PDB file of all heavy atoms in Angstrom:
ATOM      1  N   ALA A   1      64.800 -72.218  66.722  1.00  0.00           N
ATOM      2  CA  ALA A   1      66.108 -72.788  66.391  1.00  0.00           C
ATOM      3  C   ALA A   1      66.471 -72.433  64.950  1.00  0.00           C
ATOM      4  O   ALA A   1      65.716 -72.732  64.022  1.00  0.00           O
ATOM      5  CB  ALA A   1      66.101 -74.298  66.571  1.00  0.00           C
ATOM      6  N   ILE A   2      67.602 -71.778  64.790  1.00  0.00           N
ATOM      7  CA  ILE A   2      68.106 -71.469  63.450  1.00  0.00           C
ATOM      8  C   ILE A   2      69.142 -72.529  63.097  1.00  0.00           C
ATOM      9  O   ILE A   2      70.139 -72.707  63.809  1.00  0.00           O
ATOM     10  CB  ILE A   2      68.742 -70.067  63.399  1.00  0.00           C
ATOM     11  CG1 ILE A   2      67.700 -69.001  63.765  1.00  0.00           C
ATOM     12  CG2 ILE A   2      69.327 -69.792  62.006  1.00  0.00           C
ATOM     13  CD1 ILE A   2      68.285 -67.622  63.985  1.00  0.00           C
ATOM     14  N   ILE A   3      68.897 -73.238  62.007  1.00  0.00           N
ATOM     15  CA  ILE A   3      69.798 -74.310  61.564  1.00  0.00           C
ATOM     16  C   ILE A   3      70.376 -73.891  60.216  1.00  0.00           C
ATOM     17  O   ILE A   3      69.672 -73.853  59.211  1.00  0.00           O
ATOM     18  CB  ILE A   3      69.049 -75.647  61.431  1.00  0.00           C
ATOM     19  CG1 ILE A   3      68.355 -76.004  62.763  1.00  0.00           C
ATOM     20  CG2 ILE A   3      69.993 -76.755  61.001  1.00  0.00           C
ATOM     21  CD1 ILE A   3      67.355 -77.131  62.642  1.00  0.00           C
ATOM     22  N   SER A   4      71.654 -73.529  60.216  1.00  0.00           N
ATOM     23  CA  SER A   4      72.249 -72.989  58.992  1.00  0.00           C
ATOM     24  C   SER A   4      73.757 -73.150  58.982  1.00  0.00           C
ATOM     25  O   SER A   4      74.410 -73.155  60.037  1.00  0.00           O
ATOM     26  CB  SER A   4      71.896 -71.494  58.872  1.00  0.00           C
ATOM     27  OG  SER A   4      72.438 -70.929  57.700  1.00  0.00           O
ATOM     28  N   SER A   5      74.319 -73.260  57.788  1.00  0.00           N
ATOM     29  CA  SER A   5      75.775 -73.227  57.613  1.00  0.00           C
ATOM     30  C   SER A   5      76.206 -71.786  57.348  1.00  0.00           C
ATOM     31  O   SER A   5      77.392 -71.475  57.346  1.00  0.00           O
ATOM     32  CB  SER A   5      76.195 -74.105  56.431  1.00  0.00           C
ATOM     33  OG  SER A   5      75.684 -73.562  55.223  1.00  0.00           O
ATOM     34  N   TYR A   6      75.202 -70.912  57.105  1.00  0.00           N
ATOM     35  CA  TYR A   6      75.403 -69.494  56.792  1.00  0.00           C
ATOM     36  C   TYR A   6      76.213 -69.305  55.505  1.00  0.00           C
ATOM     37  O   TYR A   6      76.869 -68.285  55.320  1.00  0.00           O
ATOM     38  CB  TYR A   6      76.065 -68.755  57.973  1.00  0.00           C
ATOM     39  CG  TYR A   6      75.222 -68.831  59.229  1.00  0.00           C
ATOM     40  CD1 TYR A   6      75.481 -69.799  60.197  1.00  0.00           C
ATOM     41  CD2 TYR A   6      74.154 -67.973  59.434  1.00  0.00           C
ATOM     42  CE1 TYR A   6      74.700 -69.891  61.340  1.00  0.00           C
ATOM     43  CE2 TYR A   6      73.358 -68.053  60.578  1.00  0.00           C
ATOM     44  CZ  TYR A   6      73.642 -69.022  61.520  1.00  0.00           C
ATOM     45  OH  TYR A   6      72.863 -69.108  62.643  1.00  0.00           O
ATOM     46  N   LYS A   7      76.132 -70.300  54.644  1.00  0.00           N
ATOM     47  CA  LYS A   7      76.788 -70.197  53.343  1.00  0.00           C
ATOM     48  C   LYS A   7      75.736 -69.938  52.278  1.00  0.00           C
ATOM     49  O   LYS A   7      74.631 -70.460  52.350  1.00  0.00           O
ATOM     50  CB  LYS A   7      77.553 -71.492  53.035  1.00  0.00           C
ATOM     51  CG  LYS A   7      78.741 -71.714  53.966  1.00  0.00           C
ATOM     52  CD  LYS A   7      79.440 -73.024  53.664  1.00  0.00           C
ATOM     53  CE  LYS A   7      80.626 -73.226  54.597  1.00  0.00           C
ATOM     54  NZ  LYS A   7      81.287 -74.541  54.399  1.00  0.00           N
ATOM     55  N   PHE A   8      76.090 -69.132  51.315  1.00  0.00           N
ATOM     56  CA  PHE A   8      75.148 -68.798  50.244  1.00  0.00           C
ATOM     57  C   PHE A   8      74.650 -70.049  49.515  1.00  0.00           C
ATOM     58  O   PHE A   8      75.421 -70.976  49.237  1.00  0.00           O
ATOM     59  CB  PHE A   8      75.802 -67.874  49.217  1.00  0.00           C
ATOM     60  CG  PHE A   8      75.976 -66.454  49.700  1.00  0.00           C
ATOM     61  CD1 PHE A   8      76.782 -65.567  49.001  1.00  0.00           C
ATOM     62  CD2 PHE A   8      75.320 -65.987  50.835  1.00  0.00           C
ATOM     63  CE1 PHE A   8      76.931 -64.253  49.426  1.00  0.00           C
ATOM     64  CE2 PHE A   8      75.457 -64.677  51.269  1.00  0.00           C
ATOM     65  CZ  PHE A   8      76.275 -63.813  50.570  1.00  0.00           C
ATOM     66  N   PHE A   9      73.342 -70.008  49.235  1.00  0.00           N
ATOM     67  CA  PHE A   9      72.650 -71.030  48.444  1.00  0.00           C
ATOM     68  C   PHE A   9      72.543 -72.391  49.134  1.00  0.00           C
ATOM     69  O   PHE A   9      72.175 -73.375  48.512  1.00  0.00           O
ATOM     70  CB  PHE A   9      73.291 -71.171  47.051  1.00  0.00           C
ATOM     71  CG  PHE A   9      73.501 -69.852  46.371  1.00  0.00           C
ATOM     72  CD1 PHE A   9      74.778 -69.403  46.070  1.00  0.00           C
ATOM     73  CD2 PHE A   9      72.417 -69.031  46.081  1.00  0.00           C
ATOM     74  CE1 PHE A   9      74.971 -68.167  45.455  1.00  0.00           C
ATOM     75  CE2 PHE A   9      72.604 -67.802  45.464  1.00  0.00           C
ATOM     76  CZ  PHE A   9      73.873 -67.362  45.158  1.00  0.00           C
ATOM     77  N   ARG A  10      72.868 -72.433  50.442  1.00  0.00           N
ATOM     78  CA  ARG A  10      72.634 -73.644  51.229  1.00  0.00           C
ATOM     79  C   ARG A  10      71.334 -73.459  52.012  1.00  0.00           C
ATOM     80  O   ARG A  10      70.993 -72.350  52.399  1.00  0.00           O
ATOM     81  CB  ARG A  10      73.787 -73.887  52.209  1.00  0.00           C
ATOM     82  CG  ARG A  10      75.135 -74.089  51.530  1.00  0.00           C
ATOM     83  CD  ARG A  10      75.273 -75.503  51.003  1.00  0.00           C
ATOM     84  NE  ARG A  10      76.585 -75.716  50.394  1.00  0.00           N
ATOM     85  CZ  ARG A  10      77.654 -76.108  51.068  1.00  0.00           C
ATOM     86  NH1 ARG A  10      77.576 -76.305  52.378  1.00  0.00           N
ATOM     87  NH2 ARG A  10      78.804 -76.289  50.452  1.00  0.00           N
ATOM     88  N   ARG A  11      70.626 -74.518  52.232  1.00  0.00           N
ATOM     89  CA  ARG A  11      69.351 -74.449  52.941  1.00  0.00           C
ATOM     90  C   ARG A  11      69.505 -74.000  54.393  1.00  0.00           C
ATOM     91  O   ARG A  11      70.339 -74.535  55.122  1.00  0.00           O
ATOM     92  CB  ARG A  11      68.646 -75.807  52.882  1.00  0.00           C
ATOM     93  CG  ARG A  11      67.470 -75.977  53.809  1.00  0.00           C
ATOM     94  CD  ARG A  11      66.237 -75.220  53.331  1.00  0.00           C
ATOM     95  NE  ARG A  11      65.575 -75.940  52.253  1.00  0.00           N
ATOM     96  CZ  ARG A  11      64.514 -75.462  51.593  1.00  0.00           C
ATOM     97  NH1 ARG A  11      64.044 -74.283  51.906  1.00  0.00           N
ATOM     98  NH2 ARG A  11      63.950 -76.164  50.638  1.00  0.00           N
ATOM     99  N   THR A  12      68.718 -73.025  54.782  1.00  0.00           N
ATOM    100  CA  THR A  12      68.626 -72.592  56.181  1.00  0.00           C
ATOM    101  C   THR A  12      67.216 -72.879  56.662  1.00  0.00           C
ATOM    102  O   THR A  12      66.245 -72.637  55.937  1.00  0.00           O
ATOM    103  CB  THR A  12      68.919 -71.084  56.326  1.00  0.00           C
ATOM    104  OG1 THR A  12      70.311 -70.855  56.071  1.00  0.00           O
ATOM    105  CG2 THR A  12      68.593 -70.580  57.724  1.00  0.00           C
ATOM    106  N   ARG A  13      67.107 -73.405  57.877  1.00  0.00           N
ATOM    107  CA  ARG A  13      65.782 -73.665  58.437  1.00  0.00           C
ATOM    108  C   ARG A  13      65.605 -72.893  59.741  1.00  0.00           C
ATOM    109  O   ARG A  13      66.531 -72.835  60.556  1.00  0.00           O
ATOM    110  CB  ARG A  13      65.584 -75.161  58.685  1.00  0.00           C
ATOM    111  CG  ARG A  13      65.322 -75.950  57.400  1.00  0.00           C
ATOM    112  CD  ARG A  13      65.558 -77.422  57.606  1.00  0.00           C
ATOM    113  NE  ARG A  13      66.980 -77.698  57.860  1.00  0.00           N
ATOM    114  CZ  ARG A  13      67.458 -78.892  58.117  1.00  0.00           C
ATOM    115  NH1 ARG A  13      66.645 -79.928  58.177  1.00  0.00           N
ATOM    116  NH2 ARG A  13      68.742 -79.081  58.339  1.00  0.00           N
ATOM    117  N   VAL A  14      64.437 -72.335  59.890  1.00  0.00           N
ATOM    118  CA  VAL A  14      64.075 -71.635  61.119  1.00  0.00           C
ATOM    119  C   VAL A  14      62.904 -72.409  61.717  1.00  0.00           C
ATOM    120  O   VAL A  14      61.803 -72.410  61.158  1.00  0.00           O
ATOM    121  CB  VAL A  14      63.690 -70.166  60.846  1.00  0.00           C
ATOM    122  CG1 VAL A  14      63.334 -69.456  62.144  1.00  0.00           C
ATOM    123  CG2 VAL A  14      64.823 -69.435  60.120  1.00  0.00           C
ATOM    124  N   VAL A  15      63.171 -73.092  62.833  1.00  0.00           N
ATOM    125  CA  VAL A  15      62.157 -73.961  63.438  1.00  0.00           C
ATOM    126  C   VAL A  15      61.551 -73.266  64.648  1.00  0.00           C
ATOM    127  O   VAL A  15      62.261 -72.893  65.581  1.00  0.00           O
ATOM    128  CB  VAL A  15      62.762 -75.320  63.857  1.00  0.00           C
ATOM    129  CG1 VAL A  15      61.663 -76.262  64.340  1.00  0.00           C
ATOM    130  CG2 VAL A  15      63.549 -75.948  62.707  1.00  0.00           C
ATOM    131  N   ILE A  16      60.240 -73.088  64.620  1.00  0.00           N
ATOM    132  CA  ILE A  16      59.520 -72.398  65.693  1.00  0.00           C
ATOM    133  C   ILE A  16      58.800 -73.428  66.556  1.00  0.00           C
ATOM    134  O   ILE A  16      58.013 -74.238  66.059  1.00  0.00           O
ATOM    135  CB  ILE A  16      58.514 -71.388  65.108  1.00  0.00           C
ATOM    136  CG1 ILE A  16      59.257 -70.371  64.230  1.00  0.00           C
ATOM    137  CG2 ILE A  16      57.746 -70.672  66.228  1.00  0.00           C
ATOM    138  CD1 ILE A  16      58.351 -69.530  63.352  1.00  0.00           C
ATOM    139  N   GLY A  17      59.092 -73.421  67.842  1.00  0.00           N
ATOM    140  CA  GLY A  17      58.482 -74.380  68.762  1.00  0.00           C
ATOM    141  C   GLY A  17      57.240 -73.840  69.443  1.00  0.00           C
ATOM    142  O   GLY A  17      56.878 -72.666  69.285  1.00  0.00           O
ATOM    143  N   LYS A  18      56.587 -74.684  70.201  1.00  0.00           N
ATOM    144  CA  LYS A  18      55.386 -74.281  70.939  1.00  0.00           C
ATOM    145  C   LYS A  18      55.772 -73.342  72.085  1.00  0.00           C
ATOM    146  O   LYS A  18      56.833 -73.511  72.711  1.00  0.00           O
ATOM    147  CB  LYS A  18      54.664 -75.514  71.487  1.00  0.00           C
ATOM    148  CG  LYS A  18      54.061 -76.389  70.390  1.00  0.00           C
ATOM    149  CD  LYS A  18      53.359 -77.602  70.978  1.00  0.00           C
ATOM    150  CE  LYS A  18      52.756 -78.454  69.853  1.00  0.00           C
ATOM    151  NZ  LYS A  18      52.090 -79.671  70.378  1.00  0.00           N
ATOM    152  N   PRO A  19      54.920 -72.357  72.378  1.00  0.00           N
ATOM    153  CA  PRO A  19      55.219 -71.418  73.466  1.00  0.00           C
ATOM    154  C   PRO A  19      55.442 -72.126  74.798  1.00  0.00           C
ATOM    155  O   PRO A  19      54.763 -73.098  75.125  1.00  0.00           O
ATOM    156  CB  PRO A  19      53.971 -70.526  73.516  1.00  0.00           C
ATOM    157  CG  PRO A  19      53.378 -70.628  72.146  1.00  0.00           C
ATOM    158  CD  PRO A  19      53.657 -72.025  71.691  1.00  0.00           C
ATOM    159  N   VAL A  20      56.421 -71.626  75.536  1.00  0.00           N
ATOM    160  CA  VAL A  20      56.735 -72.149  76.863  1.00  0.00           C
ATOM    161  C   VAL A  20      56.138 -71.211  77.904  1.00  0.00           C
ATOM    162  O   VAL A  20      56.423 -70.009  77.905  1.00  0.00           O
ATOM    163  CB  VAL A  20      58.264 -72.248  77.068  1.00  0.00           C
ATOM    164  CG1 VAL A  20      58.580 -72.730  78.479  1.00  0.00           C
ATOM    165  CG2 VAL A  20      58.891 -73.156  76.021  1.00  0.00           C
ATOM    166  N   GLU A  21      55.290 -71.742  78.753  1.00  0.00           N
ATOM    167  CA  GLU A  21      54.671 -70.945  79.815  1.00  0.00           C
ATOM    168  C   GLU A  21      55.473 -71.121  81.106  1.00  0.00           C
ATOM    169  O   GLU A  21      55.810 -72.239  81.484  1.00  0.00           O
ATOM    170  CB  GLU A  21      53.221 -71.392  80.032  1.00  0.00           C
ATOM    171  CG  GLU A  21      52.311 -71.246  78.805  1.00  0.00           C
ATOM    172  CD  GLU A  21      51.897 -69.804  78.531  1.00  0.00           C
ATOM    173  OE1 GLU A  21      52.152 -68.943  79.400  1.00  0.00           O
ATOM    174  OE2 GLU A  21      51.326 -69.551  77.458  1.00  0.00           O
ATOM    175  N   LEU A  22      55.742 -70.014  81.767  1.00  0.00           N
ATOM    176  CA  LEU A  22      56.498 -70.057  83.024  1.00  0.00           C
ATOM    177  C   LEU A  22      55.636 -69.629  84.202  1.00  0.00           C
ATOM    178  O   LEU A  22      56.136 -69.105  85.201  1.00  0.00           O
ATOM    179  CB  LEU A  22      57.733 -69.151  82.912  1.00  0.00           C
ATOM    180  CG  LEU A  22      58.730 -69.522  81.801  1.00  0.00           C
ATOM    181  CD1 LEU A  22      59.811 -68.465  81.682  1.00  0.00           C
ATOM    182  CD2 LEU A  22      59.354 -70.892  82.063  1.00  0.00           C
ATOM    183  N   ALA A  23      54.323 -69.883  84.091  1.00  0.00           N
ATOM    184  CA  ALA A  23      53.359 -69.434  85.098  1.00  0.00           C
ATOM    185  C   ALA A  23      53.667 -69.943  86.502  1.00  0.00           C
ATOM    186  O   ALA A  23      53.336 -69.280  87.494  1.00  0.00           O
ATOM    187  CB  ALA A  23      51.943 -69.861  84.686  1.00  0.00           C
ATOM    188  N   GLU A  24      54.310 -71.101  86.595  1.00  0.00           N
ATOM    189  CA  GLU A  24      54.613 -71.666  87.923  1.00  0.00           C
ATOM    190  C   GLU A  24      55.569 -70.785  88.732  1.00  0.00           C
ATOM    191  O   GLU A  24      55.659 -70.918  89.959  1.00  0.00           O
ATOM    192  CB  GLU A  24      55.211 -73.066  87.776  1.00  0.00           C
ATOM    193  CG  GLU A  24      56.543 -73.089  87.048  1.00  0.00           C
ATOM    194  CD  GLU A  24      57.022 -74.494  86.715  1.00  0.00           C
ATOM    195  OE1 GLU A  24      57.461 -75.194  87.647  1.00  0.00           O
ATOM    196  OE2 GLU A  24      56.937 -74.864  85.531  1.00  0.00           O
ATOM    197  N   TYR A  25      56.254 -69.863  88.033  1.00  0.00           N
ATOM    198  CA  TYR A  25      57.218 -68.994  88.722  1.00  0.00           C
ATOM    199  C   TYR A  25      56.673 -67.588  88.985  1.00  0.00           C
ATOM    200  O   TYR A  25      57.341 -66.795  89.646  1.00  0.00           O
ATOM    201  CB  TYR A  25      58.503 -68.872  87.897  1.00  0.00           C
ATOM    202  CG  TYR A  25      59.159 -70.197  87.620  1.00  0.00           C
ATOM    203  CD1 TYR A  25      59.088 -70.780  86.347  1.00  0.00           C
ATOM    204  CD2 TYR A  25      59.844 -70.890  88.613  1.00  0.00           C
ATOM    205  CE1 TYR A  25      59.687 -72.002  86.078  1.00  0.00           C
ATOM    206  CE2 TYR A  25      60.448 -72.118  88.353  1.00  0.00           C
ATOM    207  CZ  TYR A  25      60.368 -72.658  87.085  1.00  0.00           C
ATOM    208  OH  TYR A  25      60.969 -73.869  86.823  1.00  0.00           O
ATOM    209  N   TYR A  26      55.494 -67.279  88.444  1.00  0.00           N
ATOM    210  CA  TYR A  26      54.956 -65.925  88.597  1.00  0.00           C
ATOM    211  C   TYR A  26      54.767 -65.589  90.077  1.00  0.00           C
ATOM    212  O   TYR A  26      54.242 -66.397  90.856  1.00  0.00           O
ATOM    213  CB  TYR A  26      53.615 -65.776  87.882  1.00  0.00           C
ATOM    214  CG  TYR A  26      53.677 -65.889  86.364  1.00  0.00           C
ATOM    215  CD1 TYR A  26      52.507 -65.972  85.611  1.00  0.00           C
ATOM    216  CD2 TYR A  26      54.893 -65.931  85.693  1.00  0.00           C
ATOM    217  CE1 TYR A  26      52.555 -66.078  84.222  1.00  0.00           C
ATOM    218  CE2 TYR A  26      54.943 -66.044  84.313  1.00  0.00           C
ATOM    219  CZ  TYR A  26      53.769 -66.121  83.584  1.00  0.00           C
ATOM    220  OH  TYR A  26      53.819 -66.234  82.206  1.00  0.00           O
TER     221      TYR A  26
END
């Protein structure tokens, strides 16, 4: 998830979540 106003000098956060496994559909 990218959380940003895309304005200079404002805080941007890049949040990385846990991997999602889709093995039930293989």
